[in-house]
Protein backbone atom coordinates (compact mmCIF):
# COMPACT_ATOMS: atom_id res chain seq x y z
CA UNK A 1 -139.03 17.84 -31.19
CA UNK A 2 -135.70 18.87 -29.62
CA UNK A 3 -135.12 15.64 -27.67
CA UNK A 4 -132.90 13.02 -28.89
CA UNK A 5 -134.20 10.87 -31.63
CA UNK A 6 -132.86 7.30 -31.75
CA UNK A 7 -131.04 6.30 -35.04
CA UNK A 8 -130.84 2.60 -35.50
CA UNK A 9 -130.40 -0.09 -38.23
CA UNK A 10 -133.71 -0.61 -40.33
CA UNK A 11 -135.53 -3.81 -39.91
CA UNK A 12 -138.01 -5.31 -42.40
CA UNK A 13 -141.06 -3.89 -40.50
CA UNK A 14 -139.68 -0.35 -41.29
CA UNK A 15 -139.79 -0.80 -45.04
CA UNK A 16 -143.46 0.17 -45.54
CA UNK A 17 -142.83 3.25 -43.69
CA UNK A 18 -139.74 4.19 -45.83
CA UNK A 19 -141.88 3.44 -48.87
CA UNK A 20 -144.53 5.85 -47.51
CA UNK A 21 -141.92 8.75 -46.45
CA UNK A 22 -140.15 8.38 -50.00
CA UNK A 23 -143.59 8.61 -51.77
CA UNK A 24 -144.50 11.81 -49.74
CA UNK A 25 -141.03 13.21 -50.63
CA UNK A 26 -140.64 12.26 -54.45
CA UNK A 27 -144.28 11.66 -55.37
CA UNK A 28 -143.28 8.14 -56.70
CA UNK A 29 -144.38 4.80 -55.05
CA UNK A 30 -141.64 2.48 -55.38
CA UNK A 31 -142.18 -0.52 -53.08
CA UNK A 32 -140.12 -3.09 -55.25
CA UNK A 33 -137.08 -0.57 -55.22
CA UNK A 34 -137.32 -0.21 -51.37
CA UNK A 35 -137.52 -4.03 -50.76
CA UNK A 36 -134.43 -4.61 -53.01
CA UNK A 37 -132.56 -1.87 -51.22
CA UNK A 38 -133.41 -3.21 -47.89
CA UNK A 39 -132.06 -6.72 -49.03
CA UNK A 40 -128.81 -5.34 -50.40
CA UNK A 41 -128.10 -2.58 -47.72
CA UNK A 42 -129.90 -3.67 -44.57
CA UNK A 43 -128.51 -7.09 -44.19
CA UNK A 44 -124.75 -6.80 -45.22
CA UNK A 45 -121.47 -5.69 -43.78
CA UNK A 46 -120.04 -2.28 -44.52
CA UNK A 47 -123.54 -1.28 -45.92
CA UNK A 48 -125.73 0.74 -43.67
CA UNK A 49 -129.47 1.41 -43.82
CA UNK A 50 -130.50 3.71 -40.77
CA UNK A 51 -133.91 4.99 -39.60
CA UNK A 52 -134.95 7.76 -37.18
CA UNK A 53 -137.95 6.95 -35.29
CA UNK A 54 -139.67 9.10 -32.49
CA UNK A 55 -141.71 8.03 -29.63
CA UNK A 56 -144.63 7.68 -32.13
CA UNK A 57 -144.63 4.94 -34.70
CA UNK A 58 -143.95 7.49 -37.56
CA UNK A 59 -140.66 7.21 -39.30
CA UNK A 60 -138.83 10.74 -39.24
CA UNK A 61 -136.00 9.78 -41.68
CA UNK A 62 -133.74 7.29 -43.15
CA UNK A 63 -130.12 7.37 -44.55
CA UNK A 64 -128.28 4.63 -46.60
CA UNK A 65 -124.58 4.12 -47.59
CA UNK A 66 -121.87 1.77 -48.03
CA UNK A 67 -118.16 1.57 -48.10
CA UNK A 68 -116.93 1.59 -51.77
CA UNK A 69 -113.23 0.92 -52.75
CA UNK A 70 -110.93 1.56 -55.53
CA UNK A 71 -113.12 2.85 -58.30
CA UNK A 72 -110.86 4.65 -60.61
CA UNK A 73 -108.06 4.78 -58.18
CA UNK A 74 -110.38 6.12 -55.23
CA UNK A 75 -108.94 4.72 -51.82
CA UNK A 76 -111.95 3.13 -49.98
CA UNK A 77 -114.60 5.70 -48.85
CA UNK A 78 -117.99 5.98 -47.65
CA UNK A 79 -120.85 6.82 -50.00
CA UNK A 80 -124.28 8.21 -48.75
CA UNK A 81 -126.74 7.54 -51.65
CA UNK A 82 -130.02 8.05 -50.01
CA UNK A 83 -131.44 10.51 -47.38
CA UNK A 84 -135.05 11.28 -46.66
CA UNK A 85 -136.65 13.35 -43.88
CA UNK A 86 -140.30 13.86 -43.13
CA UNK A 87 -140.92 17.38 -44.58
CA UNK A 88 -142.68 18.01 -41.00
CA UNK A 89 -139.64 17.13 -39.03
CA UNK A 90 -137.10 19.11 -41.17
CA UNK A 91 -135.02 21.80 -39.30
CA UNK A 92 -135.09 19.57 -36.29
CA UNK A 93 -131.78 18.06 -36.74
CA UNK A 94 -133.09 14.75 -37.82
CA UNK A 95 -131.01 14.85 -41.03
CA UNK A 96 -128.00 15.88 -39.24
CA UNK A 97 -128.23 13.17 -36.71
CA UNK A 98 -128.86 10.44 -39.32
CA UNK A 99 -125.76 11.78 -41.33
CA UNK A 100 -123.61 11.75 -38.05
CA UNK A 101 -124.81 8.23 -37.33
CA UNK A 102 -123.76 6.91 -40.79
CA UNK A 103 -120.49 8.74 -40.75
CA UNK A 104 -119.82 7.09 -37.38
CA UNK A 105 -120.45 3.63 -38.85
CA UNK A 106 -118.47 4.50 -42.14
CA UNK A 107 -115.56 5.47 -39.83
CA UNK A 108 -115.93 2.29 -37.81
CA UNK A 109 -115.75 0.33 -41.17
CA UNK A 110 -112.32 1.88 -41.92
CA UNK A 111 -112.92 4.83 -44.07
CA UNK A 112 -111.78 8.44 -43.51
CA UNK A 113 -113.81 10.24 -46.23
CA UNK A 114 -117.60 10.28 -46.99
CA UNK A 115 -118.97 11.15 -50.33
CA UNK A 116 -122.19 11.82 -52.00
CA UNK A 117 -123.64 12.84 -55.54
CA UNK A 118 -126.25 15.18 -56.16
CA UNK A 119 -127.98 16.95 -59.08
CA UNK A 120 -126.73 20.40 -59.43
CA UNK A 121 -130.29 21.95 -59.01
CA UNK A 122 -131.13 19.76 -55.98
CA UNK A 123 -130.93 22.80 -53.76
CA UNK A 124 -132.68 21.30 -50.66
CA UNK A 125 -129.87 18.28 -50.48
CA UNK A 126 -127.12 20.58 -51.73
CA UNK A 127 -127.72 22.94 -48.77
CA UNK A 128 -128.17 20.10 -46.33
CA UNK A 129 -124.92 18.37 -47.32
CA UNK A 130 -122.85 21.65 -47.48
CA UNK A 131 -124.15 22.47 -43.90
CA UNK A 132 -122.64 19.11 -42.75
CA UNK A 133 -119.23 20.38 -44.19
CA UNK A 134 -119.23 18.63 -47.35
CA UNK A 135 -117.73 20.21 -50.54
CA UNK A 136 -116.80 19.60 -54.13
CA UNK A 137 -114.58 16.48 -54.21
CA UNK A 138 -111.86 15.34 -56.51
CA UNK A 139 -114.04 13.42 -58.94
CA UNK A 140 -116.08 14.50 -61.74
CA UNK A 141 -119.23 12.79 -63.04
CA UNK A 142 -119.42 11.80 -66.72
CA UNK A 143 -122.34 10.65 -68.68
CA UNK A 144 -123.56 9.58 -72.11
CA UNK A 145 -127.21 8.68 -73.31
CA UNK A 146 -127.58 4.88 -73.96
CA UNK A 147 -129.01 4.71 -77.33
CA UNK A 148 -129.06 2.05 -80.42
CA UNK A 149 -126.18 3.81 -82.17
CA UNK A 150 -122.99 5.27 -80.70
CA UNK A 151 -123.19 9.19 -80.91
CA UNK A 152 -119.51 9.03 -82.19
CA UNK A 153 -120.66 7.42 -85.26
CA UNK A 154 -120.44 3.65 -84.47
CA UNK A 155 -122.80 1.07 -83.19
CA UNK A 156 -123.20 0.99 -79.42
CA UNK A 157 -121.56 -2.57 -79.34
CA UNK A 158 -118.77 -1.53 -81.31
CA UNK A 159 -115.07 -0.92 -80.20
CA UNK A 160 -115.85 0.12 -76.65
CA UNK A 161 -117.75 -3.22 -75.91
CA UNK A 162 -114.42 -4.99 -77.09
CA UNK A 163 -112.39 -3.05 -74.49
CA UNK A 164 -110.65 -0.80 -76.85
CA UNK A 165 -109.95 2.76 -75.88
CA UNK A 166 -110.36 5.87 -78.06
């Protein structure tokens, strides 16, 4: 499969194949999730849901991203938040072609940087995105568990819900 694989915008008829591919990759069947993602990202401006399909009807891969602007002082940038390539089609440049295609669309939408976020132990995707030239960016992800009580001693709906800073 060294020939060019067409990359195009996803259509509703692609969603069952996306669901199947994602289930083969993750082991989790998420039909409602993918139907919602298509509604939110397959039909709106500055949001992109792209697929790679070969000559046969099988879906070879997908990538999803959008333009996000101004979170915590960040200028508008592209974000890639989903990428899936058929395990049997890996190492055939499908992911690279999908990434190039979404970067081109994000650039046309007016951004000059593309970002993504990965788990530290996601070696497969970390290796892929680094091979595309991506590296650590200027932002740090922070998180806290959501619980019935605030881990700092108050209740979860306390001072922070009122907009007060520590």
